[in-house]
Amino acid sequence: MNEIRINNFQELHEALERYRKDNRWMFRGHGNADWKLLPKAGRAPFDKTDDERMFRAWQRRSVEFLSPRPGNEWEWLAIAQHHGLATRLLDWTYQPLVAAFFATTSQDNCDAHIYCFKADQIYEKTDGSPFEADTLAKYKPHTVASRIVRQGGLFTLHPDPATPLDKSKSKKDTLELIVIDQEYRKLLPFELSHYGINHSSIFPDLDGLSNHINWFTSNNEYWITKEPGSDGI
C-alpha cells in the first residue's frame, strides 16, 4: 500500500493533489493508527451477532421516527448506519479535509490516518437487498440525511463485515494511506477550522454548534488576539 507521512498543512495539501482530478477517490479518517478498516458490524462485540437480524429489529421499531420512510432497503441501511447502528456499511467521504477532521478530533497520542480508496465496483442498482450483495463495493446513497450530504458521505458495503477492507478488496481496487504525524495532529484541527471544517459545519444542527463552541472555549489559549469580535466563532 502506497504511504506518505505529513508534518504540516503544506505537505497535506501536496499529498492530496494527486487525488484531485479523479473523483472516484474517497477518504476515511482514523484517529488511531491501530484501527482496522472494518465496519462496525465486524468489530467486537457486534461480530458475534447476526447484523441482518439486528437491522431487521431496528427497522421494525424505527418506523415511528421516520417520515417519509426510506424508498428501499439500501436507504434503510444507510439511515441505520448514520444513526449509529452496527451495520456492514463503512463510512467514507469525497472530501479529504472532512476525513482529516475525523482523523484528528480525538486526543490520541499517536499518528492519525487518512485512508484513500478507489473502488472498482459500485452498487448502482439498489432494488434488491444489501444482505444479498456478495462484492465489496461503493454505495452512494440518496439524500437520506443532511449530515451525509454536508459531509460528502458515501459508503463501502462489506459482505463479510469481519474481514478488513485491505484483506477483502479486489486487485482492481486501490488503497493508499496518508499518515498524519502525532505532533502535527494536535495543530491540524485549528487549521481545518480556519478553512471552515469543524463540528459546526460538518454537523449542521444544534449538537454540532454546541460541540464547536465547546471546542473553541476549551482551546481558547490557541488564539493570541483577544480583541472584541475576533473570536472567530
Protein backbone atom coordinates (compact mmCIF):
# COMPACT_ATOMS: atom_id res chain seq x y z
CA MET A 1 0.00 0.00 0.00
CA ASN A 2 1.37 3.39 -1.02
CA GLU A 3 2.00 5.51 2.10
CA ILE A 4 3.05 9.11 2.69
CA ARG A 5 3.76 10.88 6.00
CA ILE A 6 2.87 14.53 6.50
CA ASN A 7 4.03 17.01 9.16
CA ASN A 8 2.33 20.27 8.14
CA PHE A 9 -0.58 21.66 6.12
CA GLN A 10 1.54 22.30 3.03
CA GLU A 11 2.59 18.66 2.95
CA LEU A 12 -1.05 17.62 3.40
CA HIS A 13 -2.09 19.83 0.50
CA GLU A 14 0.64 18.35 -1.68
CA ALA A 15 -0.30 14.80 -0.66
CA LEU A 16 -3.92 15.41 -1.66
CA GLU A 17 -3.01 16.92 -5.04
CA ARG A 18 -2.76 13.51 -6.69
CA TYR A 19 -6.42 12.74 -5.94
CA ARG A 20 -7.86 15.99 -7.27
CA LYS A 21 -8.54 15.05 -10.90
CA ASP A 22 -10.14 11.66 -10.26
CA ASN A 23 -13.48 11.91 -8.45
CA ARG A 24 -13.60 8.18 -7.81
CA TRP A 25 -11.31 8.59 -4.80
CA MET A 26 -12.92 8.59 -1.36
CA PHE A 27 -11.40 9.19 2.04
CA ARG A 28 -11.72 8.00 5.62
CA GLY A 29 -10.04 9.37 8.76
CA HIS A 30 -8.86 7.21 11.65
CA GLY A 31 -7.84 8.85 14.92
CA ASN A 32 -5.88 5.79 15.99
CA ALA A 33 -3.35 4.12 13.72
CA ASP A 34 -4.28 0.69 15.13
CA TRP A 35 -7.90 0.87 13.95
CA LYS A 36 -8.73 -1.52 11.12
CA LEU A 37 -10.86 -0.78 8.08
CA LEU A 38 -13.81 -2.71 9.45
CA PRO A 39 -17.49 -1.75 9.51
CA LYS A 40 -18.97 -1.66 12.99
CA ALA A 41 -20.80 -4.96 12.47
CA GLY A 42 -17.39 -6.62 12.09
CA ARG A 43 -15.93 -5.25 15.33
CA ALA A 44 -16.26 -6.71 18.82
CA PRO A 45 -18.74 -7.29 20.33
CA PHE A 46 -21.02 -6.91 17.29
CA ASP A 47 -19.13 -9.51 15.26
CA LYS A 48 -20.68 -12.19 17.47
CA THR A 49 -24.23 -11.39 16.32
CA ASP A 50 -26.21 -11.54 13.07
CA ASP A 51 -26.13 -7.98 11.74
CA GLU A 52 -29.09 -8.59 9.42
CA ARG A 53 -31.25 -9.75 12.34
CA MET A 54 -30.24 -6.66 14.35
CA PHE A 55 -31.05 -4.45 11.37
CA ARG A 56 -34.49 -6.04 10.97
CA ALA A 57 -35.23 -5.32 14.63
CA TRP A 58 -34.07 -1.72 14.20
CA GLN A 59 -36.11 -1.32 11.01
CA ARG A 60 -39.27 -2.64 12.66
CA ARG A 61 -39.01 -0.26 15.61
CA SER A 62 -37.73 2.82 13.76
CA VAL A 63 -40.85 3.48 11.68
CA GLU A 64 -42.35 5.79 14.29
CA PHE A 65 -39.40 8.18 13.88
CA LEU A 66 -39.20 8.26 10.08
CA SER A 67 -41.45 10.31 7.84
CA PRO A 68 -41.29 9.85 4.94
CA ARG A 69 -39.91 6.35 5.09
CA PRO A 70 -36.87 5.29 3.04
CA GLY A 71 -37.54 4.18 -0.51
CA ASN A 72 -35.68 0.88 -0.40
CA GLU A 73 -33.70 -1.39 1.88
CA TRP A 74 -30.37 0.21 0.98
CA GLU A 75 -31.64 3.59 2.14
CA TRP A 76 -32.95 1.99 5.34
CA LEU A 77 -29.48 0.57 5.97
CA ALA A 78 -27.80 3.92 5.25
CA ILE A 79 -30.04 5.68 7.78
CA ALA A 80 -29.40 2.95 10.35
CA GLN A 81 -25.66 3.38 9.84
CA HIS A 82 -25.97 7.15 10.06
CA HIS A 83 -27.71 6.88 13.42
CA GLY A 84 -25.14 4.55 14.95
CA LEU A 85 -26.43 1.02 14.36
CA ALA A 86 -23.72 -1.58 13.82
CA THR A 87 -24.07 -2.39 10.11
CA ARG A 88 -21.96 -3.79 7.30
CA LEU A 89 -21.52 -0.29 5.83
CA LEU A 90 -18.29 1.65 6.32
CA ASP A 91 -18.39 5.46 6.16
CA TRP A 92 -16.30 7.40 3.64
CA THR A 93 -16.31 10.93 2.26
CA TYR A 94 -15.49 12.55 -1.06
CA GLN A 95 -13.98 15.47 0.89
CA PRO A 96 -10.44 14.74 2.11
CA LEU A 97 -10.43 17.59 4.66
CA VAL A 98 -13.55 16.10 6.25
CA ALA A 99 -11.60 12.85 6.59
CA ALA A 100 -8.74 14.84 8.15
CA PHE A 101 -11.21 16.31 10.65
CA PHE A 102 -12.41 12.89 11.77
CA ALA A 103 -8.80 11.69 11.95
CA THR A 104 -7.75 14.42 14.37
CA THR A 105 -10.73 15.26 16.60
CA SER A 106 -9.75 12.71 19.26
CA GLN A 107 -6.86 13.30 21.63
CA ASP A 108 -4.97 10.06 20.99
CA ASN A 109 -1.21 10.45 21.36
CA CYS A 110 -0.31 8.61 18.17
CA ASP A 111 -0.22 9.05 14.42
CA ALA A 112 -3.55 9.56 12.66
CA HIS A 113 -4.51 8.02 9.32
CA ILE A 114 -6.36 9.17 6.23
CA TYR A 115 -7.21 6.23 4.01
CA CYS A 116 -7.68 6.94 0.31
CA PHE A 117 -9.70 4.33 -1.56
CA LYS A 118 -10.74 3.92 -5.19
CA ALA A 119 -13.30 1.17 -5.62
CA ASP A 120 -13.55 -0.67 -8.91
CA GLN A 121 -17.19 -1.66 -8.32
CA ILE A 122 -20.22 0.41 -7.36
CA TYR A 123 -23.70 -0.67 -6.35
CA GLU A 124 -25.95 1.35 -8.64
CA LYS A 125 -28.99 -0.94 -8.72
CA THR A 126 -30.46 -0.95 -5.24
CA ASP A 127 -33.76 -2.70 -5.83
CA GLY A 128 -32.59 -5.87 -4.06
CA SER A 129 -31.33 -6.46 -0.53
CA PRO A 130 -27.87 -5.29 0.59
CA PHE A 131 -27.64 -8.54 2.54
CA GLU A 132 -27.64 -10.47 -0.74
CA ALA A 133 -24.71 -8.48 -2.15
CA ASP A 134 -21.55 -10.57 -2.50
CA THR A 135 -18.92 -8.00 -3.54
CA LEU A 136 -17.15 -5.29 -1.58
CA ALA A 137 -18.12 -2.15 -3.48
CA LYS A 138 -19.01 1.53 -3.19
CA TYR A 139 -22.55 2.63 -2.41
CA LYS A 140 -23.71 6.24 -2.87
CA PRO A 141 -26.99 6.84 -1.00
CA HIS A 142 -29.68 9.28 -2.00
CA THR A 143 -30.18 12.28 0.28
CA VAL A 144 -31.35 10.35 3.31
CA ALA A 145 -29.84 12.70 5.92
CA SER A 146 -28.50 16.26 5.79
CA ARG A 147 -25.32 15.30 7.65
CA ILE A 148 -24.42 12.76 4.97
CA VAL A 149 -24.78 15.47 2.32
CA ARG A 150 -22.82 18.05 4.33
CA GLN A 151 -20.01 15.56 4.90
CA GLY A 152 -19.86 14.38 1.28
CA GLY A 153 -20.71 10.98 2.66
CA LEU A 154 -20.87 7.59 0.97
CA PHE A 155 -20.15 4.00 1.99
CA THR A 156 -18.50 0.75 1.15
CA LEU A 157 -20.65 -2.32 1.65
CA HIS A 158 -18.90 -5.34 3.16
CA PRO A 159 -20.49 -8.75 2.53
CA ASP A 160 -18.13 -10.14 5.19
CA PRO A 161 -18.05 -7.41 7.86
CA ALA A 162 -15.36 -9.18 9.90
CA THR A 163 -12.73 -9.05 7.14
CA PRO A 164 -10.81 -5.74 6.90
CA LEU A 165 -11.08 -3.85 3.62
CA ASP A 166 -7.37 -4.21 2.90
CA LYS A 167 -7.85 -8.00 3.03
CA SER A 168 -11.12 -8.19 1.09
CA LYS A 169 -10.58 -5.59 -1.67
CA SER A 170 -10.10 -6.80 -5.22
CA LYS A 171 -6.95 -6.44 -7.28
CA LYS A 172 -8.65 -3.64 -9.23
CA ASP A 173 -9.34 -1.61 -6.07
CA THR A 174 -6.71 0.89 -4.92
CA LEU A 175 -5.96 1.68 -1.27
CA GLU A 176 -3.44 4.31 -0.17
CA LEU A 177 -2.55 5.89 3.16
CA ILE A 178 -1.68 9.38 4.40
CA VAL A 179 -0.09 9.31 7.86
CA ILE A 180 -0.50 12.45 9.97
CA ASP A 181 2.41 12.73 12.41
CA GLN A 182 1.30 12.59 16.04
CA GLU A 183 2.73 16.03 16.79
CA TYR A 184 1.10 17.71 13.80
CA ARG A 185 -2.30 16.16 14.52
CA LYS A 186 -2.57 18.48 17.54
CA LEU A 187 -2.37 21.54 15.29
CA LEU A 188 -4.37 20.33 12.30
CA PRO A 189 -7.89 20.81 13.82
CA PHE A 190 -7.16 24.54 14.25
CA GLU A 191 -6.02 24.84 10.64
CA LEU A 192 -9.05 22.93 9.41
CA SER A 193 -11.38 25.18 11.39
CA HIS A 194 -9.72 28.22 9.79
CA TYR A 195 -10.89 26.83 6.44
CA GLY A 196 -14.40 26.09 7.68
CA ILE A 197 -14.04 22.41 8.58
CA ASN A 198 -15.25 21.94 12.15
CA HIS A 199 -18.10 20.46 14.19
CA SER A 200 -20.42 23.31 13.28
CA SER A 201 -20.02 22.87 9.52
CA ILE A 202 -19.89 19.08 9.43
CA PHE A 203 -22.78 18.55 11.84
CA PRO A 204 -25.36 21.18 10.76
CA ASP A 205 -27.52 21.11 13.88
CA LEU A 206 -27.54 22.35 17.46
CA ASP A 207 -25.32 19.48 18.63
CA GLY A 208 -22.66 20.41 16.08
CA LEU A 209 -22.85 24.09 17.01
CA SER A 210 -22.56 23.30 20.72
CA ASN A 211 -19.59 20.98 20.17
CA HIS A 212 -17.82 23.62 18.08
CA ILE A 213 -18.25 26.35 20.70
CA ASN A 214 -17.19 23.95 23.45
CA TRP A 215 -14.08 23.07 21.44
CA PHE A 216 -13.31 26.73 20.82
CA THR A 217 -13.75 27.61 24.50
CA SER A 218 -11.63 24.72 25.78
CA ASN A 219 -8.82 25.70 23.38
CA ASN A 220 -9.12 29.46 23.79
CA GLU A 221 -5.41 29.84 24.59
CA TYR A 222 -4.60 28.98 20.98
CA TRP A 223 -5.84 32.35 19.73
CA ILE A 224 -3.47 35.17 20.66
CA THR A 225 -5.73 38.04 19.60
CA LYS A 226 -8.23 38.91 22.33
CA GLU A 227 -9.83 41.96 20.76
CA PRO A 228 -13.65 42.15 20.75
CA GLY A 229 -15.16 40.48 17.70
CA SER A 230 -12.02 38.49 16.91
CA ASP A 231 -13.04 35.18 18.47
CA GLY A 232 -13.86 33.50 15.13
CA ILE A 233 -16.86 31.65 16.49
